[in-house]
Amino acid sequence: MKTIFLAIFCGIGMLALPATLLRAQDASSPSGSTQSEKSSTSSAEKDGRAFSGMYSFLKDGEFLQVTVEDGGSVTGYISRYGDGESDKGAFLDQFFKNGKLEGNKLSFTTEIVHGVAFDFRGAFERGEGKNPSDEAYYVLRGTLTQNVSDADKKVTSHSRDVAFKLFPQEASPAPATRK
């Protein structure tokens, strides 16, 4: 009889133990919230994927495409109108030579196209958009340096503070049905 009583007593104690541990964990957290409730940033934002998208650039019709990949590497390009005599008004794509994201800090350098390359150093910030699908949900603020090479290979650099707004994200189209 003592063995049965002891087994029942231990079994009840084992059932109560997980509930006791959970209450102890909740009491030890600052607000009594769970770990998932504590983090207000999504995992996509933490690893930078949420920052991927198309942003405004310097002039209307120009844009900056940023794609955050695994490990913080960044690919992308700038689509802009040419400023030179030979490319005035032509649409030019300048791909990133290198790009890096650390937390919310972005840096990139573009390839040289028609004697022009860009360097950028800045950070993603939350903008005025209320939802991820809204314009300016993220804003990329920082310093853009335009490096222009002339015929004699002399480089002139011009830096300016910029703020590039994320374009509104369209809802993804419904998958096509197969017949």
Foldseek 3Di string as FASTA:
>chain_A
DVVVVVVVVVVVVVVCVVVVVLVVVLVPDPNSDDPVVPDPDDVCLQQVQLVFAWWPDDDPPKIWGWGQDPPFWIWTWTWDADDDPVGHRNTDIWIWPTWGDDNFWIWTKTDADQQKIKTWTFGKDQADDPDSQAKQRIKTWTKMKIWGQDPVRDIDIDIDIDIIIGHGDDDDDDDDDDD
